[in-house]
Amino acid sequence: MGGMPLGKNLWGMWLAGIIALAAFGIIIWKFDPYNSHWGVFALLFASFFIFWAVVLISLTYSWYLKQGLLDFSGLFSSSLKLGIIGSVALTIGFLLQTIHVLTWWNGLMVAVIAFILGLYFKD
């Protein structure tokens, strides 16, 4: 196989991450999510989720490749699962912080649940 494995998937994913980061920045600087329409609040969390999903999927995929594993589609599938689980955990933590109910035990519960789901869905 020539070139980077799954290159089209990765480029599209990175483009979505850049767009999500730009949307997050625009929402933070141009709008007040608390006083705006509920759609702005939902877009804030959607852009946060997409950006961190892209970052975590890319990091886990590159970590698997550095280990010397060669099943590219299986690695990407596993990275996708772990990245989405991690991104959901970060988004839940951000939501809890936004509504001012995040405490250390809430964050710990979210982290433990994400860890257990990560172990369950890991190949």
PDB file of N, CA and C in Angstrom:
ATOM      1  N   MET A   1       0.835  -1.167   0.000  1.00  0.00           N
ATOM      2  CA  MET A   1       0.000   0.000   0.000  1.00  0.00           C
ATOM      3  C   MET A   1       0.887   1.240   0.000  1.00  0.00           C
ATOM      4  N   GLY A   2       0.644   2.141  -0.942  1.00  0.00           N
ATOM      5  CA  GLY A   2       1.442   3.350  -1.011  1.00  0.00           C
ATOM      6  C   GLY A   2       0.788   4.494  -0.267  1.00  0.00           C
ATOM      7  N   GLY A   3       1.597   5.384   0.229  1.00  0.00           N
ATOM      8  CA  GLY A   3       1.072   6.564   0.906  1.00  0.00           C
ATOM      9  C   GLY A   3       0.626   6.262   2.323  1.00  0.00           C
ATOM     10  N   MET A   4       0.001   7.249   2.899  1.00  0.00           N
ATOM     11  CA  MET A   4      -0.488   7.101   4.268  1.00  0.00           C
ATOM     12  C   MET A   4      -1.760   6.264   4.281  1.00  0.00           C
ATOM     13  N   PRO A   5      -1.838   5.265   5.127  1.00  0.00           N
ATOM     14  CA  PRO A   5      -3.051   4.461   5.209  1.00  0.00           C
ATOM     15  C   PRO A   5      -4.233   5.304   5.674  1.00  0.00           C
ATOM     16  N   LEU A   6      -5.374   5.075   5.038  1.00  0.00           N
ATOM     17  CA  LEU A   6      -6.606   5.766   5.387  1.00  0.00           C
ATOM     18  C   LEU A   6      -6.448   7.279   5.306  1.00  0.00           C
ATOM     19  N   GLY A   7      -5.674   7.748   4.340  1.00  0.00           N
ATOM     20  CA  GLY A   7      -5.376   9.169   4.227  1.00  0.00           C
ATOM     21  C   GLY A   7      -6.597  10.036   4.029  1.00  0.00           C
ATOM     22  N   LYS A   8      -7.537   9.579   3.205  1.00  0.00           N
ATOM     23  CA  LYS A   8      -8.733  10.390   2.967  1.00  0.00           C
ATOM     24  C   LYS A   8      -9.551  10.541   4.240  1.00  0.00           C
ATOM     25  N   ASN A   9      -9.666   9.489   5.024  1.00  0.00           N
ATOM     26  CA  ASN A   9     -10.392   9.574   6.293  1.00  0.00           C
ATOM     27  C   ASN A   9      -9.720  10.546   7.248  1.00  0.00           C
ATOM     28  N   LEU A  10      -8.397  10.482   7.321  1.00  0.00           N
ATOM     29  CA  LEU A  10      -7.678  11.346   8.250  1.00  0.00           C
ATOM     30  C   LEU A  10      -7.753  12.811   7.824  1.00  0.00           C
ATOM     31  N   TRP A  11      -7.595  13.092   6.532  1.00  0.00           N
ATOM     32  CA  TRP A  11      -7.666  14.483   6.077  1.00  0.00           C
ATOM     33  C   TRP A  11      -9.055  15.063   6.302  1.00  0.00           C
ATOM     34  N   GLY A  12     -10.086  14.305   6.032  1.00  0.00           N
ATOM     35  CA  GLY A  12     -11.445  14.777   6.270  1.00  0.00           C
ATOM     36  C   GLY A  12     -11.722  14.995   7.742  1.00  0.00           C
ATOM     37  N   MET A  13     -11.180  14.118   8.560  1.00  0.00           N
ATOM     38  CA  MET A  13     -11.349  14.236  10.001  1.00  0.00           C
ATOM     39  C   MET A  13     -10.625  15.480  10.522  1.00  0.00           C
ATOM     40  N   TRP A  14      -9.408  15.716  10.046  1.00  0.00           N
ATOM     41  CA  TRP A  14      -8.656  16.884  10.486  1.00  0.00           C
ATOM     42  C   TRP A  14      -9.324  18.174  10.029  1.00  0.00           C
ATOM     43  N   LEU A  15      -9.900  18.172   8.836  1.00  0.00           N
ATOM     44  CA  LEU A  15     -10.628  19.345   8.359  1.00  0.00           C
ATOM     45  C   LEU A  15     -11.840  19.614   9.251  1.00  0.00           C
ATOM     46  N   ALA A  16     -12.556  18.575   9.624  1.00  0.00           N
ATOM     47  CA  ALA A  16     -13.696  18.729  10.532  1.00  0.00           C
ATOM     48  C   ALA A  16     -13.242  19.256  11.885  1.00  0.00           C
ATOM     49  N   GLY A  17     -12.099  18.814  12.362  1.00  0.00           N
ATOM     50  CA  GLY A  17     -11.571  19.299  13.633  1.00  0.00           C
ATOM     51  C   GLY A  17     -11.200  20.772  13.584  1.00  0.00           C
ATOM     52  N   ILE A  18     -10.618  21.215  12.470  1.00  0.00           N
ATOM     53  CA  ILE A  18     -10.265  22.629  12.324  1.00  0.00           C
ATOM     54  C   ILE A  18     -11.522  23.485  12.253  1.00  0.00           C
ATOM     55  N   ILE A  19     -12.525  23.020  11.520  1.00  0.00           N
ATOM     56  CA  ILE A  19     -13.793  23.752  11.437  1.00  0.00           C
ATOM     57  C   ILE A  19     -14.461  23.807  12.809  1.00  0.00           C
ATOM     58  N   ALA A  20     -14.423  22.702  13.545  1.00  0.00           N
ATOM     59  CA  ALA A  20     -15.022  22.677  14.885  1.00  0.00           C
ATOM     60  C   ALA A  20     -14.289  23.616  15.833  1.00  0.00           C
ATOM     61  N   LEU A  21     -12.967  23.669  15.749  1.00  0.00           N
ATOM     62  CA  LEU A  21     -12.206  24.582  16.591  1.00  0.00           C
ATOM     63  C   LEU A  21     -12.539  26.035  16.255  1.00  0.00           C
ATOM     64  N   ALA A  22     -12.659  26.336  14.970  1.00  0.00           N
ATOM     65  CA  ALA A  22     -13.037  27.692  14.556  1.00  0.00           C
ATOM     66  C   ALA A  22     -14.440  28.034  15.049  1.00  0.00           C
ATOM     67  N   ALA A  23     -15.363  27.092  14.949  1.00  0.00           N
ATOM     68  CA  ALA A  23     -16.732  27.332  15.427  1.00  0.00           C
ATOM     69  C   ALA A  23     -16.746  27.545  16.932  1.00  0.00           C
ATOM     70  N   PHE A  24     -15.973  26.774  17.658  1.00  0.00           N
ATOM     71  CA  PHE A  24     -15.892  26.928  19.114  1.00  0.00           C
ATOM     72  C   PHE A  24     -15.365  28.320  19.466  1.00  0.00           C
ATOM     73  N   GLY A  25     -14.312  28.739  18.782  1.00  0.00           N
ATOM     74  CA  GLY A  25     -13.749  30.065  19.033  1.00  0.00           C
ATOM     75  C   GLY A  25     -14.726  31.180  18.708  1.00  0.00           C
ATOM     76  N   ILE A  26     -15.442  31.055  17.599  1.00  0.00           N
ATOM     77  CA  ILE A  26     -16.419  32.071  17.227  1.00  0.00           C
ATOM     78  C   ILE A  26     -17.536  32.146  18.257  1.00  0.00           C
ATOM     79  N   ILE A  27     -17.999  31.000  18.717  1.00  0.00           N
ATOM     80  CA  ILE A  27     -19.072  30.990  19.716  1.00  0.00           C
ATOM     81  C   ILE A  27     -18.602  31.637  21.014  1.00  0.00           C
ATOM     82  N   ILE A  28     -17.378  31.349  21.428  1.00  0.00           N
ATOM     83  CA  ILE A  28     -16.866  31.900  22.683  1.00  0.00           C
ATOM     84  C   ILE A  28     -16.690  33.421  22.583  1.00  0.00           C
ATOM     85  N   TRP A  29     -16.124  33.907  21.450  1.00  0.00           N
ATOM     86  CA  TRP A  29     -15.801  35.322  21.361  1.00  0.00           C
ATOM     87  C   TRP A  29     -16.937  36.203  20.846  1.00  0.00           C
ATOM     88  N   LYS A  30     -17.821  35.656  20.044  1.00  0.00           N
ATOM     89  CA  LYS A  30     -18.872  36.484  19.442  1.00  0.00           C
ATOM     90  C   LYS A  30     -20.229  36.359  20.132  1.00  0.00           C
ATOM     91  N   PHE A  31     -20.473  35.258  20.811  1.00  0.00           N
ATOM     92  CA  PHE A  31     -21.771  35.026  21.439  1.00  0.00           C
ATOM     93  C   PHE A  31     -21.586  34.803  22.930  1.00  0.00           C
ATOM     94  N   ASP A  32     -22.637  34.997  23.664  1.00  0.00           N
ATOM     95  CA  ASP A  32     -22.675  34.588  25.059  1.00  0.00           C
ATOM     96  C   ASP A  32     -23.548  33.339  25.116  1.00  0.00           C
ATOM     97  N   PRO A  33     -22.942  32.162  25.278  1.00  0.00           N
ATOM     98  CA  PRO A  33     -23.740  30.938  25.222  1.00  0.00           C
ATOM     99  C   PRO A  33     -24.868  30.887  26.258  1.00  0.00           C
ATOM    100  N   TYR A  34     -24.692  31.568  27.373  1.00  0.00           N
ATOM    101  CA  TYR A  34     -25.724  31.531  28.406  1.00  0.00           C
ATOM    102  C   TYR A  34     -26.944  32.371  28.036  1.00  0.00           C
ATOM    103  N   ASN A  35     -26.725  33.468  27.345  1.00  0.00           N
ATOM    104  CA  ASN A  35     -27.832  34.363  27.012  1.00  0.00           C
ATOM    105  C   ASN A  35     -28.340  34.184  25.593  1.00  0.00           C
ATOM    106  N   SER A  36     -27.678  33.378  24.796  1.00  0.00           N
ATOM    107  CA  SER A  36     -28.082  33.171  23.409  1.00  0.00           C
ATOM    108  C   SER A  36     -29.149  32.093  23.316  1.00  0.00           C
ATOM    109  N   HIS A  37     -29.547  31.848  22.090  1.00  0.00           N
ATOM    110  CA  HIS A  37     -30.517  30.803  21.793  1.00  0.00           C
ATOM    111  C   HIS A  37     -29.934  29.442  22.160  1.00  0.00           C
ATOM    112  N   TRP A  38     -30.797  28.453  22.423  1.00  0.00           N
ATOM    113  CA  TRP A  38     -30.314  27.127  22.813  1.00  0.00           C
ATOM    114  C   TRP A  38     -29.478  26.486  21.712  1.00  0.00           C
ATOM    115  N   GLY A  39     -29.692  26.911  20.455  1.00  0.00           N
ATOM    116  CA  GLY A  39     -28.905  26.364  19.352  1.00  0.00           C
ATOM    117  C   GLY A  39     -27.435  26.714  19.459  1.00  0.00           C
ATOM    118  N   VAL A  40     -27.133  27.907  19.932  1.00  0.00           N
ATOM    119  CA  VAL A  40     -25.738  28.314  20.130  1.00  0.00           C
ATOM    120  C   VAL A  40     -25.104  27.463  21.225  1.00  0.00           C
ATOM    121  N   PHE A  41     -25.854  27.218  22.281  1.00  0.00           N
ATOM    122  CA  PHE A  41     -25.363  26.376  23.374  1.00  0.00           C
ATOM    123  C   PHE A  41     -25.088  24.952  22.877  1.00  0.00           C
ATOM    124  N   ALA A  42     -25.991  24.434  22.043  1.00  0.00           N
ATOM    125  CA  ALA A  42     -25.794  23.087  21.485  1.00  0.00           C
ATOM    126  C   ALA A  42     -24.596  23.054  20.537  1.00  0.00           C
ATOM    127  N   LEU A  43     -24.423  24.097  19.723  1.00  0.00           N
ATOM    128  CA  LEU A  43     -23.266  24.149  18.823  1.00  0.00           C
ATOM    129  C   LEU A  43     -21.951  24.254  19.586  1.00  0.00           C
ATOM    130  N   LEU A  44     -21.975  24.907  20.742  1.00  0.00           N
ATOM    131  CA  LEU A  44     -20.785  24.994  21.581  1.00  0.00           C
ATOM    132  C   LEU A  44     -20.312  23.597  21.981  1.00  0.00           C
ATOM    133  N   PHE A  45     -21.244  22.784  22.451  1.00  0.00           N
ATOM    134  CA  PHE A  45     -20.875  21.437  22.883  1.00  0.00           C
ATOM    135  C   PHE A  45     -20.585  20.508  21.712  1.00  0.00           C
ATOM    136  N   ALA A  46     -21.285  20.682  20.602  1.00  0.00           N
ATOM    137  CA  ALA A  46     -21.011  19.860  19.420  1.00  0.00           C
ATOM    138  C   ALA A  46     -19.620  20.143  18.872  1.00  0.00           C
ATOM    139  N   SER A  47     -19.238  21.410  18.791  1.00  0.00           N
ATOM    140  CA  SER A  47     -17.904  21.741  18.294  1.00  0.00           C
ATOM    141  C   SER A  47     -16.821  21.266  19.262  1.00  0.00           C
ATOM    142  N   PHE A  48     -17.084  21.359  20.560  1.00  0.00           N
ATOM    143  CA  PHE A  48     -16.140  20.854  21.561  1.00  0.00           C
ATOM    144  C   PHE A  48     -15.955  19.344  21.392  1.00  0.00           C
ATOM    145  N   PHE A  49     -17.069  18.634  21.236  1.00  0.00           N
ATOM    146  CA  PHE A  49     -17.022  17.176  21.072  1.00  0.00           C
ATOM    147  C   PHE A  49     -16.260  16.787  19.809  1.00  0.00           C
ATOM    148  N   ILE A  50     -16.568  17.430  18.686  1.00  0.00           N
ATOM    149  CA  ILE A  50     -15.925  17.074  17.419  1.00  0.00           C
ATOM    150  C   ILE A  50     -14.429  17.358  17.469  1.00  0.00           C
ATOM    151  N   PHE A  51     -14.048  18.503  17.999  1.00  0.00           N
ATOM    152  CA  PHE A  51     -12.625  18.831  18.066  1.00  0.00           C
ATOM    153  C   PHE A  51     -11.861  17.804  18.897  1.00  0.00           C
ATOM    154  N   TRP A  52     -12.344  17.490  20.086  1.00  0.00           N
ATOM    155  CA  TRP A  52     -11.625  16.543  20.928  1.00  0.00           C
ATOM    156  C   TRP A  52     -11.690  15.121  20.391  1.00  0.00           C
ATOM    157  N   ALA A  53     -12.748  14.767  19.685  1.00  0.00           N
ATOM    158  CA  ALA A  53     -12.804  13.449  19.048  1.00  0.00           C
ATOM    159  C   ALA A  53     -11.701  13.329  18.005  1.00  0.00           C
ATOM    160  N   VAL A  54     -11.535  14.362  17.201  1.00  0.00           N
ATOM    161  CA  VAL A  54     -10.494  14.349  16.170  1.00  0.00           C
ATOM    162  C   VAL A  54      -9.108  14.267  16.809  1.00  0.00           C
ATOM    163  N   VAL A  55      -8.883  15.039  17.846  1.00  0.00           N
ATOM    164  CA  VAL A  55      -7.573  15.031  18.505  1.00  0.00           C
ATOM    165  C   VAL A  55      -7.282  13.654  19.108  1.00  0.00           C
ATOM    166  N   LEU A  56      -8.242  13.098  19.826  1.00  0.00           N
ATOM    167  CA  LEU A  56      -8.007  11.817  20.489  1.00  0.00           C
ATOM    168  C   LEU A  56      -7.911  10.656  19.501  1.00  0.00           C
ATOM    169  N   ILE A  57      -8.705  10.687  18.440  1.00  0.00           N
ATOM    170  CA  ILE A  57      -8.604   9.635  17.412  1.00  0.00           C
ATOM    171  C   ILE A  57      -7.237   9.692  16.746  1.00  0.00           C
ATOM    172  N   SER A  58      -6.778  10.894  16.408  1.00  0.00           N
ATOM    173  CA  SER A  58      -5.470  11.039  15.768  1.00  0.00           C
ATOM    174  C   SER A  58      -4.344  10.586  16.687  1.00  0.00           C
ATOM    175  N   LEU A  59      -4.430  10.947  17.958  1.00  0.00           N
ATOM    176  CA  LEU A  59      -3.376  10.546  18.901  1.00  0.00           C
ATOM    177  C   LEU A  59      -3.333   9.038  19.111  1.00  0.00           C
ATOM    178  N   THR A  60      -4.500   8.417  19.276  1.00  0.00           N
ATOM    179  CA  THR A  60      -4.488   6.962  19.491  1.00  0.00           C
ATOM    180  C   THR A  60      -4.073   6.218  18.222  1.00  0.00           C
ATOM    181  N   TYR A  61      -4.475   6.715  17.056  1.00  0.00           N
ATOM    182  CA  TYR A  61      -4.082   6.069  15.805  1.00  0.00           C
ATOM    183  C   TYR A  61      -2.567   6.172  15.601  1.00  0.00           C
ATOM    184  N   SER A  62      -1.996   7.344  15.851  1.00  0.00           N
ATOM    185  CA  SER A  62      -0.547   7.479  15.686  1.00  0.00           C
ATOM    186  C   SER A  62       0.208   6.666  16.747  1.00  0.00           C
ATOM    187  N   TRP A  63      -0.357   6.537  17.949  1.00  0.00           N
ATOM    188  CA  TRP A  63       0.274   5.722  18.984  1.00  0.00           C
ATOM    189  C   TRP A  63       0.295   4.252  18.566  1.00  0.00           C
ATOM    190  N   TYR A  64      -0.822   3.777  17.989  1.00  0.00           N
ATOM    191  CA  TYR A  64      -0.863   2.400  17.506  1.00  0.00           C
ATOM    192  C   TYR A  64       0.141   2.181  16.383  1.00  0.00           C
ATOM    193  N   LEU A  65       0.268   3.157  15.482  1.00  0.00           N
ATOM    194  CA  LEU A  65       1.220   3.014  14.384  1.00  0.00           C
ATOM    195  C   LEU A  65       2.658   3.008  14.889  1.00  0.00           C
ATOM    196  N   LYS A  66       2.957   3.799  15.903  1.00  0.00           N
ATOM    197  CA  LYS A  66       4.311   3.826  16.454  1.00  0.00           C
ATOM    198  C   LYS A  66       4.662   2.521  17.167  1.00  0.00           C
ATOM    199  N   GLN A  67       3.645   1.774  17.588  1.00  0.00           N
ATOM    200  CA  GLN A  67       3.904   0.473  18.195  1.00  0.00           C
ATOM    201  C   GLN A  67       4.253  -0.576  17.150  1.00  0.00           C
ATOM    202  N   GLY A  68       4.089  -0.266  15.881  1.00  0.00           N
ATOM    203  CA  GLY A  68       4.443  -1.173  14.811  1.00  0.00           C
ATOM    204  C   GLY A  68       3.320  -2.091  14.374  1.00  0.00           C
ATOM    205  N   LEU A  69       2.102  -1.798  14.757  1.00  0.00           N
ATOM    206  CA  LEU A  69       0.968  -2.621  14.350  1.00  0.00           C
ATOM    207  C   LEU A  69       0.590  -2.275  12.911  1.00  0.00           C
ATOM    208  N   LEU A  70       0.178  -3.273  12.128  1.00  0.00           N
ATOM    209  CA  LEU A  70      -0.010  -3.053  10.704  1.00  0.00           C
ATOM    210  C   LEU A  70      -1.434  -3.249  10.207  1.00  0.00           C
ATOM    211  N   ASP A  71      -2.366  -3.585  11.048  1.00  0.00           N
ATOM    212  CA  ASP A  71      -3.762  -3.735  10.636  1.00  0.00           C
ATOM    213  C   ASP A  71      -4.414  -2.354  10.647  1.00  0.00           C
ATOM    214  N   PHE A  72      -4.258  -1.614   9.515  1.00  0.00           N
ATOM    215  CA  PHE A  72      -4.625  -0.202   9.494  1.00  0.00           C
ATOM    216  C   PHE A  72      -6.112   0.036   9.736  1.00  0.00           C
ATOM    217  N   SER A  73      -6.971  -0.763   9.098  1.00  0.00           N
ATOM    218  CA  SER A  73      -8.404  -0.542   9.292  1.00  0.00           C
ATOM    219  C   SER A  73      -8.835  -0.934  10.705  1.00  0.00           C
ATOM    220  N   GLY A  74      -8.258  -1.973  11.254  1.00  0.00           N
ATOM    221  CA  GLY A  74      -8.558  -2.364  12.628  1.00  0.00           C
ATOM    222  C   GLY A  74      -8.052  -1.336  13.628  1.00  0.00           C
ATOM    223  N   LEU A  75      -6.867  -0.776  13.339  1.00  0.00           N
ATOM    224  CA  LEU A  75      -6.324   0.266  14.210  1.00  0.00           C
ATOM    225  C   LEU A  75      -7.198   1.507  14.182  1.00  0.00           C
ATOM    226  N   PHE A  76      -7.655   1.881  12.986  1.00  0.00           N
ATOM    227  CA  PHE A  76      -8.494   3.064  12.875  1.00  0.00           C
ATOM    228  C   PHE A  76      -9.825   2.844  13.574  1.00  0.00           C
ATOM    229  N   SER A  77     -10.382   1.640  13.448  1.00  0.00           N
ATOM    230  CA  SER A  77     -11.644   1.327  14.120  1.00  0.00           C
ATOM    231  C   SER A  77     -11.486   1.401  15.630  1.00  0.00           C
ATOM    232  N   SER A  78     -10.418   0.847  16.153  1.00  0.00           N
ATOM    233  CA  SER A  78     -10.162   0.889  17.586  1.00  0.00           C
ATOM    234  C   SER A  78      -9.903   2.317  18.051  1.00  0.00           C
ATOM    235  N   SER A  79      -9.157   3.081  17.258  1.00  0.00           N
ATOM    236  CA  SER A  79      -8.893   4.480  17.599  1.00  0.00           C
ATOM    237  C   SER A  79     -10.163   5.301  17.579  1.00  0.00           C
ATOM    238  N   LEU A  80     -11.044   4.994  16.644  1.00  0.00           N
ATOM    239  CA  LEU A  80     -12.316   5.705  16.557  1.00  0.00           C
ATOM    240  C   LEU A  80     -13.151   5.463  17.807  1.00  0.00           C
ATOM    241  N   LYS A  81     -13.213   4.217  18.254  1.00  0.00           N
ATOM    242  CA  LYS A  81     -13.981   3.896  19.464  1.00  0.00           C
ATOM    243  C   LYS A  81     -13.409   4.611  20.683  1.00  0.00           C
ATOM    244  N   LEU A  82     -12.099   4.505  20.871  1.00  0.00           N
ATOM    245  CA  LEU A  82     -11.480   5.116  22.046  1.00  0.00           C
ATOM    246  C   LEU A  82     -11.538   6.637  21.993  1.00  0.00           C
ATOM    247  N   GLY A  83     -11.390   7.206  20.806  1.00  0.00           N
ATOM    248  CA  GLY A  83     -11.459   8.658  20.666  1.00  0.00           C
ATOM    249  C   GLY A  83     -12.835   9.199  20.967  1.00  0.00           C
ATOM    250  N   ILE A  84     -13.858   8.497  20.521  1.00  0.00           N
ATOM    251  CA  ILE A  84     -15.223   8.952  20.792  1.00  0.00           C
ATOM    252  C   ILE A  84     -15.559   8.807  22.276  1.00  0.00           C
ATOM    253  N   ILE A  85     -15.130   7.719  22.899  1.00  0.00           N
ATOM    254  CA  ILE A  85     -15.375   7.543  24.333  1.00  0.00           C
ATOM    255  C   ILE A  85     -14.675   8.651  25.125  1.00  0.00           C
ATOM    256  N   GLY A  86     -13.441   8.935  24.789  1.00  0.00           N
ATOM    257  CA  GLY A  86     -12.719  10.004  25.475  1.00  0.00           C
ATOM    258  C   GLY A  86     -13.336  11.366  25.239  1.00  0.00           C
ATOM    259  N   SER A  87     -13.782  11.611  24.025  1.00  0.00           N
ATOM    260  CA  SER A  87     -14.403  12.891  23.710  1.00  0.00           C
ATOM    261  C   SER A  87     -15.741  13.062  24.430  1.00  0.00           C
ATOM    262  N   VAL A  88     -16.504  11.988  24.532  1.00  0.00           N
ATOM    263  CA  VAL A  88     -17.761  12.054  25.294  1.00  0.00           C
ATOM    264  C   VAL A  88     -17.464  12.367  26.760  1.00  0.00           C
ATOM    265  N   ALA A  89     -16.426  11.752  27.316  1.00  0.00           N
ATOM    266  CA  ALA A  89     -16.067  12.012  28.714  1.00  0.00           C
ATOM    267  C   ALA A  89     -15.650  13.470  28.904  1.00  0.00           C
ATOM    268  N   LEU A  90     -14.848  14.000  27.995  1.00  0.00           N
ATOM    269  CA  LEU A  90     -14.437  15.403  28.096  1.00  0.00           C
ATOM    270  C   LEU A  90     -15.621  16.349  27.929  1.00  0.00           C
ATOM    271  N   THR A  91     -16.531  16.014  27.016  1.00  0.00           N
ATOM    272  CA  THR A  91     -17.700  16.858  26.793  1.00  0.00           C
ATOM    273  C   THR A  91     -18.626  16.837  28.002  1.00  0.00           C
ATOM    274  N   ILE A  92     -18.778  15.684  28.630  1.00  0.00           N
ATOM    275  CA  ILE A  92     -19.596  15.610  29.845  1.00  0.00           C
ATOM    276  C   ILE A  92     -18.946  16.435  30.958  1.00  0.00           C
ATOM    277  N   GLY A  93     -17.629  16.356  31.071  1.00  0.00           N
ATOM    278  CA  GLY A  93     -16.937  17.181  32.053  1.00  0.00           C
ATOM    279  C   GLY A  93     -17.102  18.666  31.773  1.00  0.00           C
ATOM    280  N   PHE A  94     -17.036  19.049  30.502  1.00  0.00           N
ATOM    281  CA  PHE A  94     -17.246  20.448  30.118  1.00  0.00           C
ATOM    282  C   PHE A  94     -18.678  20.889  30.418  1.00  0.00           C
ATOM    283  N   LEU A  95     -19.638  20.008  30.160  1.00  0.00           N
ATOM    284  CA  LEU A  95     -21.036  20.325  30.463  1.00  0.00           C
ATOM    285  C   LEU A  95     -21.234  20.501  31.968  1.00  0.00           C
ATOM    286  N   LEU A  96     -20.676  19.600  32.753  1.00  0.00           N
ATOM    287  CA  LEU A  96     -20.798  19.709  34.207  1.00  0.00           C
ATOM    288  C   LEU A  96     -20.140  20.990  34.725  1.00  0.00           C
ATOM    289  N   GLN A  97     -19.015  21.365  34.132  1.00  0.00           N
ATOM    290  CA  GLN A  97     -18.348  22.599  34.531  1.00  0.00           C
ATOM    291  C   GLN A  97     -19.170  23.815  34.109  1.00  0.00           C
ATOM    292  N   THR A  98     -19.786  23.745  32.953  1.00  0.00           N
ATOM    293  CA  THR A  98     -20.570  24.867  32.450  1.00  0.00           C
ATOM    294  C   THR A  98     -21.801  25.128  33.305  1.00  0.00           C
ATOM    295  N   ILE A  99     -22.442  24.077  33.795  1.00  0.00           N
ATOM    296  CA  ILE A  99     -23.629  24.269  34.630  1.00  0.00           C
ATOM    297  C   ILE A  99     -23.270  24.316  36.122  1.00  0.00           C
ATOM    298  N   HIS A 100     -21.976  24.423  36.412  1.00  0.00           N
ATOM    299  CA  HIS A 100     -21.452  24.641  37.761  1.00  0.00           C
ATOM    300  C   HIS A 100     -21.796  23.521  38.743  1.00  0.00           C
ATOM    301  N   VAL A 101     -21.718  22.275  38.293  1.00  0.00           N
ATOM    302  CA  VAL A 101     -21.917  21.138  39.196  1.00  0.00           C
ATOM    303  C   VAL A 101     -20.738  20.165  39.164  1.00  0.00           C
ATOM    304  N   LEU A 102     -19.645  20.549  38.502  1.00  0.00           N
ATOM    305  CA  LEU A 102     -18.486  19.660  38.425  1.00  0.00           C
ATOM    306  C   LEU A 102     -17.728  19.695  39.748  1.00  0.00           C
ATOM    307  N   THR A 103     -17.610  18.539  40.358  1.00  0.00           N
ATOM    308  CA  THR A 103     -16.777  18.363  41.543  1.00  0.00           C
ATOM    309  C   THR A 103     -15.829  17.204  41.249  1.00  0.00           C
ATOM    310  N   TRP A 104     -14.896  16.968  42.141  1.00  0.00           N
ATOM    311  CA  TRP A 104     -13.903  15.942  41.852  1.00  0.00           C
ATOM    312  C   TRP A 104     -14.528  14.563  41.755  1.00  0.00           C
ATOM    313  N   TRP A 105     -15.566  14.273  42.531  1.00  0.00           N
ATOM    314  CA  TRP A 105     -16.155  12.928  42.472  1.00  0.00           C
ATOM    315  C   TRP A 105     -16.997  12.754  41.207  1.00  0.00           C
ATOM    316  N   ASN A 106     -17.614  13.836  40.713  1.00  0.00           N
ATOM    317  CA  ASN A 106     -18.327  13.727  39.435  1.00  0.00           C
ATOM    318  C   ASN A 106     -17.345  13.469  38.300  1.00  0.00           C
ATOM    319  N   GLY A 107     -16.246  14.219  38.316  1.00  0.00           N
ATOM    320  CA  GLY A 107     -15.217  14.015  37.289  1.00  0.00           C
ATOM    321  C   GLY A 107     -14.597  12.641  37.369  1.00  0.00           C
ATOM    322  N   LEU A 108     -14.393  12.156  38.587  1.00  0.00           N
ATOM    323  CA  LEU A 108     -13.825  10.822  38.762  1.00  0.00           C
ATOM    324  C   LEU A 108     -14.785   9.748  38.251  1.00  0.00           C
ATOM    325  N   MET A 109     -16.077   9.932  38.517  1.00  0.00           N
ATOM    326  CA  MET A 109     -17.056   8.956  38.017  1.00  0.00           C
ATOM    327  C   MET A 109     -17.073   8.931  36.488  1.00  0.00           C
ATOM    328  N   VAL A 110     -17.031  10.090  35.868  1.00  0.00           N
ATOM    329  CA  VAL A 110     -17.008  10.153  34.399  1.00  0.00           C
ATOM    330  C   VAL A 110     -15.740   9.486  33.869  1.00  0.00           C
ATOM    331  N   ALA A 111     -14.591   9.755  34.505  1.00  0.00           N
ATOM    332  CA  ALA A 111     -13.336   9.159  34.060  1.00  0.00           C
ATOM    333  C   ALA A 111     -13.336   7.640  34.235  1.00  0.00           C
ATOM    334  N   VAL A 112     -13.861   7.138  35.337  1.00  0.00           N
ATOM    335  CA  VAL A 112     -13.905   5.689  35.565  1.00  0.00           C
ATOM    336  C   VAL A 112     -14.837   5.018  34.562  1.00  0.00           C
ATOM    337  N   ILE A 113     -15.989   5.623  34.313  1.00  0.00           N
ATOM    338  CA  ILE A 113     -16.916   5.056  33.325  1.00  0.00           C
ATOM    339  C   ILE A 113     -16.280   5.043  31.940  1.00  0.00           C
ATOM    340  N   ALA A 114     -15.577   6.124  31.581  1.00  0.00           N
ATOM    341  CA  ALA A 114     -14.899   6.163  30.280  1.00  0.00           C
ATOM    342  C   ALA A 114     -13.802   5.105  30.203  1.00  0.00           C
ATOM    343  N   PHE A 115     -13.070   4.909  31.291  1.00  0.00           N
ATOM    344  CA  PHE A 115     -12.021   3.893  31.321  1.00  0.00           C
ATOM    345  C   PHE A 115     -12.602   2.493  31.152  1.00  0.00           C
ATOM    346  N   ILE A 116     -13.693   2.212  31.843  1.00  0.00           N
ATOM    347  CA  ILE A 116     -14.329   0.895  31.744  1.00  0.00           C
ATOM    348  C   ILE A 116     -14.868   0.666  30.333  1.00  0.00           C
ATOM    349  N   LEU A 117     -15.510   1.684  29.765  1.00  0.00           N
ATOM    350  CA  LEU A 117     -15.996   1.549  28.381  1.00  0.00           C
ATOM    351  C   LEU A 117     -14.847   1.378  27.408  1.00  0.00           C
ATOM    352  N   GLY A 118     -13.748   2.079  27.647  1.00  0.00           N
ATOM    353  CA  GLY A 118     -12.570   1.924  26.795  1.00  0.00           C
ATOM    354  C   GLY A 118     -12.009   0.516  26.844  1.00  0.00           C
ATOM    355  N   LEU A 119     -11.970  -0.063  28.028  1.00  0.00           N
ATOM    356  CA  LEU A 119     -11.509  -1.455  28.147  1.00  0.00           C
ATOM    357  C   LEU A 119     -12.473  -2.427  27.485  1.00  0.00           C
ATOM    358  N   TYR A 120     -13.766  -2.137  27.612  1.00  0.00           N
ATOM    359  CA  TYR A 120     -14.763  -3.030  27.037  1.00  0.00           C
ATOM    360  C   TYR A 120     -14.725  -3.011  25.510  1.00  0.00           C
ATOM    361  N   PHE A 121     -14.552  -1.845  24.914  1.00  0.00           N
ATOM    362  CA  PHE A 121     -14.589  -1.733  23.467  1.00  0.00           C
ATOM    363  C   PHE A 121     -13.228  -1.875  22.803  1.00  0.00           C
ATOM    364  N   LYS A 122     -12.166  -1.996  23.605  1.00  0.00           N
ATOM    365  CA  LYS A 122     -10.835  -2.168  23.020  1.00  0.00           C
ATOM    366  C   LYS A 122     -10.721  -3.561  22.414  1.00  0.00           C
ATOM    367  N   ASP A 123     -10.126  -3.629  21.248  1.00  0.00           N
ATOM    368  CA  ASP A 123      -9.993  -4.919  20.551  1.00  0.00           C
ATOM    369  C   ASP A 123      -8.905  -5.760  21.148  1.00  0.00           C
TER     370      ASP A 123
END
